[in-house]
Amino acid sequence: MNSIQMTVDEGVGLNKFIGVGNCSVLDLPDYLEYLEKDDSTDVIGVYLEGAADAARFVRVAGKVARKKPVVVYKAGRLSGATRYTLTHTGAIAGSYKMYNDILRQHGLFTVDNTSEFVAALKALALQPLPTGNRIGAITHTAGPIVAALDTILSRGCSLPVISEETIKRVKKVLGSENPPVVLKNPLDAVGLGFTREGYSGMAEIMLQDDNVDLLMAFYVYHRHWEFPSEEIVEIAKKQNKPVIVNLVGTWEDCRPDQLLLQKGGVPLFIAPEKTAIAAAALIHYGRLRKGGADFDYE
């Protein structure tokens, strides 16, 4: 799998990469128990084809996830892939839906592909966990947010109503009593959102809203306008709430902002779907730490 190459592109630190092979001596749960106690490991990603002892795996993974986030990518959904997995690893693959349901019951965050896998790990490695599931979103163009909404809303996240005080402050920072913006959540500043002052001011006001637990900031790369990366890092630190940035552009264009933001602990993505799964992963483990009722532990 190409997750190592993706972590390089995404600017994620990779502490250990363990290929378990056919598990003739040690099995996945043994490695999970080791990583749970490893002080240099903050987040654990598991690429799973099958398990010789699936019951032990989910028990151990669920236990470890209470201490460190565990992201699981279960491959081999269809019957043909399942047969190949048996030939490839010697492990019993089992039903994809059954695995997915059981993993989620044990509080594990599951993903559907390698891109989601790396995106979730990246966000969990860089950002603090939110205290709730309420997402505030800001932009100056609606398209990327619309693309992210399906994932966000299907993963137990919510888009709260922002306060009247927040709306009043946004109007003031954008410099007009009646600016051409969508004054709700998601908050769309249209052309007024291109400026560093306007966008960063809007981000800080949104993050200060008591109804917002996590901020997603969408911005389109533009050669004549600068994304306020330094300001966003400072705002995230000051408010101590997670912030995820989606800068629509190529990695070549966005790399300077990626380096600056992620050095300050704010993950940057260039695809809205990755931004959405990153937010969902943070919210999932934030709720799990609080003993979220959505998770069925034995």
C-alpha atoms as a PDB file:
ATOM      1  CA  MET A   1       0.000   0.000   0.000  1.00  0.00           C
ATOM      2  CA  ASN A   2       1.166   3.560  -0.650  1.00  0.00           C
ATOM      3  CA  SER A   3       0.445   5.082   2.758  1.00  0.00           C
ATOM      4  CA  ILE A   4       4.157   5.778   3.346  1.00  0.00           C
ATOM      5  CA  GLN A   5       4.351   7.885   0.182  1.00  0.00           C
ATOM      6  CA  MET A   6       1.123   9.679   1.133  1.00  0.00           C
ATOM      7  CA  THR A   7       2.439  10.548   4.580  1.00  0.00           C
ATOM      8  CA  VAL A   8       5.407  12.234   2.913  1.00  0.00           C
ATOM      9  CA  ASP A   9       3.114  14.300   0.655  1.00  0.00           C
ATOM     10  CA  GLU A  10       0.893  15.195   3.588  1.00  0.00           C
ATOM     11  CA  GLY A  11       3.847  16.147   5.799  1.00  0.00           C
ATOM     12  CA  VAL A  12       3.065  13.591   8.500  1.00  0.00           C
ATOM     13  CA  GLY A  13       5.718  12.209  10.834  1.00  0.00           C
ATOM     14  CA  LEU A  14       6.057   8.430  10.645  1.00  0.00           C
ATOM     15  CA  ASN A  15       7.517   6.940  13.814  1.00  0.00           C
ATOM     16  CA  LYS A  16       7.252   3.226  13.091  1.00  0.00           C
ATOM     17  CA  PHE A  17       6.037   1.141  10.153  1.00  0.00           C
ATOM     18  CA  ILE A  18       5.470  -2.501  11.060  1.00  0.00           C
ATOM     19  CA  GLY A  19       4.792  -5.149   8.420  1.00  0.00           C
ATOM     20  CA  VAL A  20       3.286  -8.049  10.330  1.00  0.00           C
ATOM     21  CA  GLY A  21       3.567 -10.592   7.488  1.00  0.00           C
ATOM     22  CA  ASN A  22       1.749 -13.877   8.074  1.00  0.00           C
ATOM     23  CA  CYS A  23       1.742 -13.398  11.873  1.00  0.00           C
ATOM     24  CA  SER A  24       3.348 -16.788  12.483  1.00  0.00           C
ATOM     25  CA  VAL A  25       4.843 -15.642  15.826  1.00  0.00           C
ATOM     26  CA  LEU A  26       3.244 -12.301  16.730  1.00  0.00           C
ATOM     27  CA  ASP A  27      -0.224 -11.144  15.729  1.00  0.00           C
ATOM     28  CA  LEU A  28      -1.758  -7.671  15.303  1.00  0.00           C
ATOM     29  CA  PRO A  29      -2.959  -7.421  18.932  1.00  0.00           C
ATOM     30  CA  ASP A  30       0.617  -8.001  20.140  1.00  0.00           C
ATOM     31  CA  TYR A  31       1.872  -5.048  18.120  1.00  0.00           C
ATOM     32  CA  LEU A  32      -1.021  -2.894  19.313  1.00  0.00           C
ATOM     33  CA  GLU A  33      -0.191  -3.654  22.947  1.00  0.00           C
ATOM     34  CA  TYR A  34       3.425  -2.691  22.277  1.00  0.00           C
ATOM     35  CA  LEU A  35       2.476   0.574  20.562  1.00  0.00           C
ATOM     36  CA  GLU A  36       0.067   1.431  23.372  1.00  0.00           C
ATOM     37  CA  LYS A  37       3.047   1.587  25.743  1.00  0.00           C
ATOM     38  CA  ASP A  38       5.433   3.220  23.269  1.00  0.00           C
ATOM     39  CA  ASP A  39       5.909   6.834  24.383  1.00  0.00           C
ATOM     40  CA  SER A  40       7.114   7.900  20.925  1.00  0.00           C
ATOM     41  CA  THR A  41       3.835   6.843  19.276  1.00  0.00           C
ATOM     42  CA  ASP A  42       0.842   9.195  19.534  1.00  0.00           C
ATOM     43  CA  VAL A  43      -1.561   7.754  16.951  1.00  0.00           C
ATOM     44  CA  ILE A  44      -1.857   4.228  15.525  1.00  0.00           C
ATOM     45  CA  GLY A  45      -2.972   3.270  12.026  1.00  0.00           C
ATOM     46  CA  VAL A  46      -3.901  -0.322  11.173  1.00  0.00           C
ATOM     47  CA  TYR A  47      -4.189  -1.638   7.615  1.00  0.00           C
ATOM     48  CA  LEU A  48      -6.224  -4.801   8.074  1.00  0.00           C
ATOM     49  CA  GLU A  49      -6.825  -7.542   5.533  1.00  0.00           C
ATOM     50  CA  GLY A  50      -7.904 -10.202   7.992  1.00  0.00           C
ATOM     51  CA  ALA A  51      -7.171 -11.564  11.447  1.00  0.00           C
ATOM     52  CA  ALA A  52      -6.578 -15.084  12.719  1.00  0.00           C
ATOM     53  CA  ASP A  53      -8.270 -14.133  15.988  1.00  0.00           C
ATOM     54  CA  ALA A  54     -10.653 -11.312  15.118  1.00  0.00           C
ATOM     55  CA  ALA A  55     -12.288 -11.291  18.561  1.00  0.00           C
ATOM     56  CA  ARG A  56      -8.963 -10.665  20.308  1.00  0.00           C
ATOM     57  CA  PHE A  57      -8.008  -8.025  17.766  1.00  0.00           C
ATOM     58  CA  VAL A  58     -11.120  -5.898  18.285  1.00  0.00           C
ATOM     59  CA  ARG A  59     -10.937  -6.271  22.086  1.00  0.00           C
ATOM     60  CA  VAL A  60      -7.323  -5.126  22.212  1.00  0.00           C
ATOM     61  CA  ALA A  61      -7.774  -2.401  19.589  1.00  0.00           C
ATOM     62  CA  GLY A  62     -10.802  -1.036  21.459  1.00  0.00           C
ATOM     63  CA  LYS A  63      -8.835  -0.984  24.711  1.00  0.00           C
ATOM     64  CA  VAL A  64      -5.843   0.748  23.108  1.00  0.00           C
ATOM     65  CA  ALA A  65      -8.107   3.329  21.429  1.00  0.00           C
ATOM     66  CA  ARG A  66      -9.175   4.602  24.836  1.00  0.00           C
ATOM     67  CA  LYS A  67      -5.583   5.723  25.398  1.00  0.00           C
ATOM     68  CA  LYS A  68      -4.357   6.487  21.852  1.00  0.00           C
ATOM     69  CA  PRO A  69      -6.423   7.006  18.692  1.00  0.00           C
ATOM     70  CA  VAL A  70      -6.505   3.948  16.440  1.00  0.00           C
ATOM     71  CA  VAL A  71      -7.564   4.320  12.794  1.00  0.00           C
ATOM     72  CA  VAL A  72      -8.443   1.121  10.910  1.00  0.00           C
ATOM     73  CA  TYR A  73      -8.554   0.640   7.157  1.00  0.00           C
ATOM     74  CA  LYS A  74     -10.167  -2.737   6.476  1.00  0.00           C
ATOM     75  CA  ALA A  75      -9.400  -3.818   2.920  1.00  0.00           C
ATOM     76  CA  GLY A  76     -10.953  -6.692   0.985  1.00  0.00           C
ATOM     77  CA  ARG A  77     -14.622  -5.790   0.646  1.00  0.00           C
ATOM     78  CA  LEU A  78     -15.709  -8.099  -2.175  1.00  0.00           C
ATOM     79  CA  SER A  79     -15.577 -11.870  -2.418  1.00  0.00           C
ATOM     80  CA  GLY A  80     -12.777 -11.932  -4.976  1.00  0.00           C
ATOM     81  CA  ALA A  81     -10.584  -9.722  -2.819  1.00  0.00           C
ATOM     82  CA  THR A  82     -11.421 -11.828   0.218  1.00  0.00           C
ATOM     83  CA  ARG A  83     -10.212 -14.996  -1.521  1.00  0.00           C
ATOM     84  CA  TYR A  84      -6.993 -13.265  -2.518  1.00  0.00           C
ATOM     85  CA  THR A  85      -6.436 -12.088   1.068  1.00  0.00           C
ATOM     86  CA  LEU A  86      -6.611 -15.696   2.263  1.00  0.00           C
ATOM     87  CA  THR A  87      -3.979 -16.670  -0.329  1.00  0.00           C
ATOM     88  CA  HIS A  88      -1.836 -13.612   0.365  1.00  0.00           C
ATOM     89  CA  THR A  89      -1.680 -13.629   4.179  1.00  0.00           C
ATOM     90  CA  GLY A  90      -3.229 -16.885   5.310  1.00  0.00           C
ATOM     91  CA  ALA A  91      -5.627 -14.919   7.534  1.00  0.00           C
ATOM     92  CA  ILE A  92      -9.380 -15.209   7.340  1.00  0.00           C
ATOM     93  CA  ALA A  93     -10.673 -11.956   5.862  1.00  0.00           C
ATOM     94  CA  GLY A  94     -14.308 -12.191   6.889  1.00  0.00           C
ATOM     95  CA  SER A  95     -17.228  -9.997   5.881  1.00  0.00           C
ATOM     96  CA  TYR A  96     -16.258  -6.348   5.388  1.00  0.00           C
ATOM     97  CA  LYS A  97     -19.553  -5.104   6.826  1.00  0.00           C
ATOM     98  CA  MET A  98     -19.248  -7.392   9.837  1.00  0.00           C
ATOM     99  CA  TYR A  99     -15.730  -6.173  10.570  1.00  0.00           C
ATOM    100  CA  ASN A 100     -16.712  -2.546  10.106  1.00  0.00           C
ATOM    101  CA  ASP A 101     -19.721  -2.824  12.398  1.00  0.00           C
ATOM    102  CA  ILE A 102     -17.763  -4.596  15.136  1.00  0.00           C
ATOM    103  CA  LEU A 103     -14.832  -2.173  14.927  1.00  0.00           C
ATOM    104  CA  ARG A 104     -17.166   0.791  15.315  1.00  0.00           C
ATOM    105  CA  GLN A 105     -18.946  -0.871  18.229  1.00  0.00           C
ATOM    106  CA  HIS A 106     -15.576  -1.012  19.976  1.00  0.00           C
ATOM    107  CA  GLY A 107     -15.016   2.705  19.423  1.00  0.00           C
ATOM    108  CA  LEU A 108     -12.550   2.479  16.549  1.00  0.00           C
ATOM    109  CA  PHE A 109     -12.522   5.009  13.724  1.00  0.00           C
ATOM    110  CA  THR A 110     -12.726   3.223  10.370  1.00  0.00           C
ATOM    111  CA  VAL A 111     -11.944   4.543   6.894  1.00  0.00           C
ATOM    112  CA  ASP A 112     -12.678   3.367   3.364  1.00  0.00           C
ATOM    113  CA  ASN A 113      -9.409   4.027   1.518  1.00  0.00           C
ATOM    114  CA  THR A 114      -5.759   5.002   1.875  1.00  0.00           C
ATOM    115  CA  SER A 115      -6.427   8.724   1.396  1.00  0.00           C
ATOM    116  CA  GLU A 116      -8.888   8.778   4.284  1.00  0.00           C
ATOM    117  CA  PHE A 117      -6.490   6.628   6.338  1.00  0.00           C
ATOM    118  CA  VAL A 118      -3.632   9.134   6.093  1.00  0.00           C
ATOM    119  CA  ALA A 119      -5.929  12.165   6.477  1.00  0.00           C
ATOM    120  CA  ALA A 120      -7.387  10.865   9.741  1.00  0.00           C
ATOM    121  CA  LEU A 121      -3.959   9.970  11.141  1.00  0.00           C
ATOM    122  CA  LYS A 122      -2.587  13.385  10.183  1.00  0.00           C
ATOM    123  CA  ALA A 123      -5.331  15.328  11.954  1.00  0.00           C
ATOM    124  CA  LEU A 124      -5.132  13.162  15.080  1.00  0.00           C
ATOM    125  CA  ALA A 125      -1.353  13.572  15.223  1.00  0.00           C
ATOM    126  CA  LEU A 126      -1.429  17.372  14.957  1.00  0.00           C
ATOM    127  CA  GLN A 127      -4.556  18.689  16.667  1.00  0.00           C
ATOM    128  CA  PRO A 128      -6.134  18.586  20.137  1.00  0.00           C
ATOM    129  CA  LEU A 129      -9.389  16.685  20.438  1.00  0.00           C
ATOM    130  CA  PRO A 130     -12.588  18.769  20.439  1.00  0.00           C
ATOM    131  CA  THR A 131     -14.941  18.779  23.398  1.00  0.00           C
ATOM    132  CA  GLY A 132     -18.027  18.229  21.230  1.00  0.00           C
ATOM    133  CA  ASN A 133     -19.216  17.407  17.715  1.00  0.00           C
ATOM    134  CA  ARG A 134     -20.162  20.913  16.524  1.00  0.00           C
ATOM    135  CA  ILE A 135     -18.299  22.133  13.433  1.00  0.00           C
ATOM    136  CA  GLY A 136     -17.998  25.724  12.321  1.00  0.00           C
ATOM    137  CA  ALA A 137     -17.013  26.234   8.684  1.00  0.00           C
ATOM    138  CA  ILE A 138     -15.806  29.361   6.891  1.00  0.00           C
ATOM    139  CA  THR A 139     -15.060  30.009   3.240  1.00  0.00           C
ATOM    140  CA  HIS A 140     -15.209  32.509   0.402  1.00  0.00           C
ATOM    141  CA  THR A 141     -16.462  29.873  -2.064  1.00  0.00           C
ATOM    142  CA  ALA A 142     -19.155  27.323  -1.305  1.00  0.00           C
ATOM    143  CA  GLY A 143     -18.123  24.435  -3.581  1.00  0.00           C
ATOM    144  CA  PRO A 144     -15.527  22.677  -1.383  1.00  0.00           C
ATOM    145  CA  ILE A 145     -17.772  22.846   1.684  1.00  0.00           C
ATOM    146  CA  VAL A 146     -20.675  21.284  -0.200  1.00  0.00           C
ATOM    147  CA  ALA A 147     -18.342  18.447  -1.237  1.00  0.00           C
ATOM    148  CA  ALA A 148     -17.389  17.892   2.413  1.00  0.00           C
ATOM    149  CA  LEU A 149     -20.878  17.994   3.939  1.00  0.00           C
ATOM    150  CA  ASP A 150     -21.948  14.422   3.143  1.00  0.00           C
ATOM    151  CA  THR A 151     -18.964  12.978   4.975  1.00  0.00           C
ATOM    152  CA  ILE A 152     -19.251  15.371   7.893  1.00  0.00           C
ATOM    153  CA  LEU A 153     -22.943  14.810   8.535  1.00  0.00           C
ATOM    154  CA  SER A 154     -22.808  11.037   8.042  1.00  0.00           C
ATOM    155  CA  ARG A 155     -20.060  10.686  10.664  1.00  0.00           C
ATOM    156  CA  GLY A 156     -21.883  12.041  13.697  1.00  0.00           C
ATOM    157  CA  CYS A 157     -20.851  15.677  13.259  1.00  0.00           C
ATOM    158  CA  SER A 158     -23.215  18.646  13.359  1.00  0.00           C
ATOM    159  CA  LEU A 159     -23.315  22.169  11.932  1.00  0.00           C
ATOM    160  CA  PRO A 160     -24.658  24.333  14.766  1.00  0.00           C
ATOM    161  CA  VAL A 161     -26.450  27.655  14.459  1.00  0.00           C
ATOM    162  CA  ILE A 162     -23.974  30.443  15.238  1.00  0.00           C
ATOM    163  CA  SER A 163     -24.941  33.175  17.663  1.00  0.00           C
ATOM    164  CA  GLU A 164     -26.275  36.598  16.739  1.00  0.00           C
ATOM    165  CA  GLU A 165     -23.247  38.108  18.469  1.00  0.00           C
ATOM    166  CA  THR A 166     -20.961  36.140  16.130  1.00  0.00           C
ATOM    167  CA  ILE A 167     -22.869  37.409  13.083  1.00  0.00           C
ATOM    168  CA  LYS A 168     -22.680  40.987  14.353  1.00  0.00           C
ATOM    169  CA  ARG A 169     -18.913  40.729  14.887  1.00  0.00           C
ATOM    170  CA  VAL A 170     -18.366  39.166  11.444  1.00  0.00           C
ATOM    171  CA  LYS A 171     -20.208  42.071   9.814  1.00  0.00           C
ATOM    172  CA  LYS A 172     -17.971  44.482  11.666  1.00  0.00           C
ATOM    173  CA  VAL A 173     -14.680  42.784  10.781  1.00  0.00           C
ATOM    174  CA  LEU A 174     -15.611  42.552   7.101  1.00  0.00           C
ATOM    175  CA  GLY A 175     -16.169  46.288   7.024  1.00  0.00           C
ATOM    176  CA  SER A 176     -19.851  46.651   6.220  1.00  0.00           C
ATOM    177  CA  GLU A 177     -23.142  46.596   8.049  1.00  0.00           C
ATOM    178  CA  ASN A 178     -24.668  44.589   5.242  1.00  0.00           C
ATOM    179  CA  PRO A 179     -21.864  42.683   3.506  1.00  0.00           C
ATOM    180  CA  PRO A 180     -22.561  40.313   0.579  1.00  0.00           C
ATOM    181  CA  VAL A 181     -22.012  37.196   2.659  1.00  0.00           C
ATOM    182  CA  VAL A 182     -23.964  34.141   3.802  1.00  0.00           C
ATOM    183  CA  LEU A 183     -24.327  34.903   7.503  1.00  0.00           C
ATOM    184  CA  LYS A 184     -24.881  31.420   8.858  1.00  0.00           C
ATOM    185  CA  ASN A 185     -22.900  28.223   9.331  1.00  0.00           C
ATOM    186  CA  PRO A 186     -21.134  27.501   6.962  1.00  0.00           C
ATOM    187  CA  LEU A 187     -20.119  31.161   6.815  1.00  0.00           C
ATOM    188  CA  ASP A 188     -19.399  32.306   3.251  1.00  0.00           C
ATOM    189  CA  ALA A 189     -17.691  35.708   2.925  1.00  0.00           C
ATOM    190  CA  VAL A 190     -17.567  35.574  -0.901  1.00  0.00           C
ATOM    191  CA  GLY A 191     -15.051  38.160  -2.234  1.00  0.00           C
ATOM    192  CA  LEU A 192     -14.564  39.813   1.154  1.00  0.00           C
ATOM    193  CA  GLY A 193     -12.973  36.598   2.403  1.00  0.00           C
ATOM    194  CA  PHE A 194      -9.862  36.891   0.226  1.00  0.00           C
ATOM    195  CA  THR A 195      -8.079  39.426   2.437  1.00  0.00           C
ATOM    196  CA  ARG A 196      -5.786  38.261   5.253  1.00  0.00           C
ATOM    197  CA  GLU A 197      -7.457  40.566   7.765  1.00  0.00           C
ATOM    198  CA  GLY A 198     -10.993  39.670   6.793  1.00  0.00           C
ATOM    199  CA  TYR A 199     -10.455  35.907   6.638  1.00  0.00           C
ATOM    200  CA  SER A 200      -8.383  35.609   9.819  1.00  0.00           C
ATOM    201  CA  GLY A 201     -10.799  37.879  11.686  1.00  0.00           C
ATOM    202  CA  MET A 202     -13.712  35.763  10.564  1.00  0.00           C
ATOM    203  CA  ALA A 203     -11.873  32.594  11.644  1.00  0.00           C
ATOM    204  CA  GLU A 204     -11.170  33.918  15.120  1.00  0.00           C
ATOM    205  CA  ILE A 205     -14.731  35.117  15.652  1.00  0.00           C
ATOM    206  CA  MET A 206     -16.156  31.786  14.486  1.00  0.00           C
ATOM    207  CA  LEU A 207     -13.816  29.819  16.743  1.00  0.00           C
ATOM    208  CA  GLN A 208     -14.773  32.001  19.718  1.00  0.00           C
ATOM    209  CA  ASP A 209     -18.445  31.085  19.301  1.00  0.00           C
ATOM    210  CA  ASP A 210     -19.482  28.859  22.231  1.00  0.00           C
ATOM    211  CA  ASN A 211     -21.485  26.700  19.820  1.00  0.00           C
ATOM    212  CA  VAL A 212     -18.378  25.741  17.800  1.00  0.00           C
ATOM    213  CA  ASP A 213     -16.042  22.925  18.912  1.00  0.00           C
ATOM    214  CA  LEU A 214     -13.931  22.654  15.745  1.00  0.00           C
ATOM    215  CA  LEU A 215     -13.265  24.978  12.802  1.00  0.00           C
ATOM    216  CA  MET A 216     -12.876  23.978   9.161  1.00  0.00           C
ATOM    217  CA  ALA A 217     -11.402  26.803   7.055  1.00  0.00           C
ATOM    218  CA  PHE A 218     -11.777  26.559   3.255  1.00  0.00           C
ATOM    219  CA  TYR A 219      -9.822  28.881   0.955  1.00  0.00           C
ATOM    220  CA  VAL A 220      -8.904  28.807  -2.735  1.00  0.00           C
ATOM    221  CA  TYR A 221      -5.243  29.357  -3.570  1.00  0.00           C
ATOM    222  CA  HIS A 222      -4.773  32.618  -5.484  1.00  0.00           C
ATOM    223  CA  ARG A 223      -1.552  34.165  -6.765  1.00  0.00           C
ATOM    224  CA  HIS A 224      -2.637  37.676  -5.808  1.00  0.00           C
ATOM    225  CA  TRP A 225      -4.019  36.941  -2.331  1.00  0.00           C
ATOM    226  CA  GLU A 226      -2.276  35.319   0.631  1.00  0.00           C
ATOM    227  CA  PHE A 227      -3.847  32.816   2.962  1.00  0.00           C
ATOM    228  CA  PRO A 228      -3.320  34.010   6.574  1.00  0.00           C
ATOM    229  CA  SER A 229      -1.383  30.936   7.712  1.00  0.00           C
ATOM    230  CA  GLU A 230       0.513  32.661  10.526  1.00  0.00           C
ATOM    231  CA  GLU A 231      -2.670  34.219  11.874  1.00  0.00           C
ATOM    232  CA  ILE A 232      -4.556  30.894  11.765  1.00  0.00           C
ATOM    233  CA  VAL A 233      -1.808  29.152  13.766  1.00  0.00           C
ATOM    234  CA  GLU A 234      -1.947  31.864  16.436  1.00  0.00           C
ATOM    235  CA  ILE A 235      -5.736  31.787  16.569  1.00  0.00           C
ATOM    236  CA  ALA A 236      -5.765  27.993  16.995  1.00  0.00           C
ATOM    237  CA  LYS A 237      -3.233  28.172  19.826  1.00  0.00           C
ATOM    238  CA  LYS A 238      -5.062  30.993  21.589  1.00  0.00           C
ATOM    239  CA  GLN A 239      -8.501  29.371  21.440  1.00  0.00           C
ATOM    240  CA  ASN A 240      -7.210  25.815  22.051  1.00  0.00           C
ATOM    241  CA  LYS A 241      -9.796  24.375  19.687  1.00  0.00           C
ATOM    242  CA  PRO A 242      -8.935  22.217  16.672  1.00  0.00           C
ATOM    243  CA  VAL A 243      -8.632  23.933  13.291  1.00  0.00           C
ATOM    244  CA  ILE A 244      -8.352  22.196   9.903  1.00  0.00           C
ATOM    245  CA  VAL A 245      -7.501  24.092   6.724  1.00  0.00           C
ATOM    246  CA  ASN A 246      -8.534  23.167   3.184  1.00  0.00           C
ATOM    247  CA  LEU A 247      -6.527  25.206   0.693  1.00  0.00           C
ATOM    248  CA  VAL A 248      -7.796  24.384  -2.784  1.00  0.00           C
ATOM    249  CA  GLY A 249      -4.792  24.176  -5.113  1.00  0.00           C
ATOM    250  CA  THR A 250      -1.850  21.966  -6.072  1.00  0.00           C
ATOM    251  CA  TRP A 251       0.733  20.751  -3.570  1.00  0.00           C
ATOM    252  CA  GLU A 252       3.330  22.757  -5.479  1.00  0.00           C
ATOM    253  CA  ASP A 253       1.367  25.956  -4.849  1.00  0.00           C
ATOM    254  CA  CYS A 254       0.299  25.109  -1.314  1.00  0.00           C
ATOM    255  CA  ARG A 255       3.549  23.640   0.065  1.00  0.00           C
ATOM    256  CA  PRO A 256       4.785  26.865   1.753  1.00  0.00           C
ATOM    257  CA  ASP A 257       1.474  27.206   3.610  1.00  0.00           C
ATOM    258  CA  GLN A 258       1.516  23.504   4.476  1.00  0.00           C
ATOM    259  CA  LEU A 259       4.952  23.791   6.073  1.00  0.00           C
ATOM    260  CA  LEU A 260       4.030  26.910   8.032  1.00  0.00           C
ATOM    261  CA  LEU A 261       0.652  25.650   9.211  1.00  0.00           C
ATOM    262  CA  GLN A 262       1.728  22.139  10.136  1.00  0.00           C
ATOM    263  CA  LYS A 263       4.829  23.364  11.958  1.00  0.00           C
ATOM    264  CA  GLY A 264       2.295  25.222  14.103  1.00  0.00           C
ATOM    265  CA  GLY A 265       0.138  22.100  14.511  1.00  0.00           C
ATOM    266  CA  VAL A 266      -2.630  22.974  12.034  1.00  0.00           C
ATOM    267  CA  PRO A 267      -3.195  20.328   9.325  1.00  0.00           C
ATOM    268  CA  LEU A 268      -3.610  21.463   5.727  1.00  0.00           C
ATOM    269  CA  PHE A 269      -5.423  19.454   3.045  1.00  0.00           C
ATOM    270  CA  ILE A 270      -6.040  20.239  -0.612  1.00  0.00           C
ATOM    271  CA  ALA A 271      -9.112  17.998  -1.008  1.00  0.00           C
ATOM    272  CA  PRO A 272     -12.426  18.667   0.795  1.00  0.00           C
ATOM    273  CA  GLU A 273     -13.116  14.973   1.351  1.00  0.00           C
ATOM    274  CA  LYS A 274      -9.862  14.641   3.302  1.00  0.00           C
ATOM    275  CA  THR A 275     -10.702  17.734   5.323  1.00  0.00           C
ATOM    276  CA  ALA A 276     -14.060  16.220   6.215  1.00  0.00           C
ATOM    277  CA  ILE A 277     -12.673  12.833   7.280  1.00  0.00           C
ATOM    278  CA  ALA A 278      -9.996  14.603   9.341  1.00  0.00           C
ATOM    279  CA  ALA A 279     -12.661  16.581  11.203  1.00  0.00           C
ATOM    280  CA  ALA A 280     -14.741  13.440  11.706  1.00  0.00           C
ATOM    281  CA  ALA A 281     -11.753  11.551  13.162  1.00  0.00           C
ATOM    282  CA  LEU A 282     -11.059  14.302  15.689  1.00  0.00           C
ATOM    283  CA  ILE A 283     -14.693  14.480  16.733  1.00  0.00           C
ATOM    284  CA  HIS A 284     -14.933  10.684  16.987  1.00  0.00           C
ATOM    285  CA  TYR A 285     -12.046  10.447  19.432  1.00  0.00           C
ATOM    286  CA  GLY A 286     -13.084  13.566  21.297  1.00  0.00           C
ATOM    287  CA  ARG A 287     -16.415  11.911  22.023  1.00  0.00           C
ATOM    288  CA  LEU A 288     -14.753   8.592  22.840  1.00  0.00           C
ATOM    289  CA  ARG A 289     -12.538  10.235  25.457  1.00  0.00           C
ATOM    290  CA  LYS A 290     -15.678  11.555  27.106  1.00  0.00           C
ATOM    291  CA  GLY A 291     -17.238   8.078  27.108  1.00  0.00           C
ATOM    292  CA  GLY A 292     -19.454   8.755  24.114  1.00  0.00           C
ATOM    293  CA  ALA A 293     -22.760   6.915  24.255  1.00  0.00           C
ATOM    294  CA  ASP A 294     -22.502   6.017  20.570  1.00  0.00           C
ATOM    295  CA  PHE A 295     -19.835   3.429  21.320  1.00  0.00           C
ATOM    296  CA  ASP A 296     -20.763   0.002  22.647  1.00  0.00           C
ATOM    297  CA  TYR A 297     -17.992  -1.279  24.912  1.00  0.00           C
ATOM    298  CA  GLU A 298     -18.038  -4.652  26.556  1.00  0.00           C
END
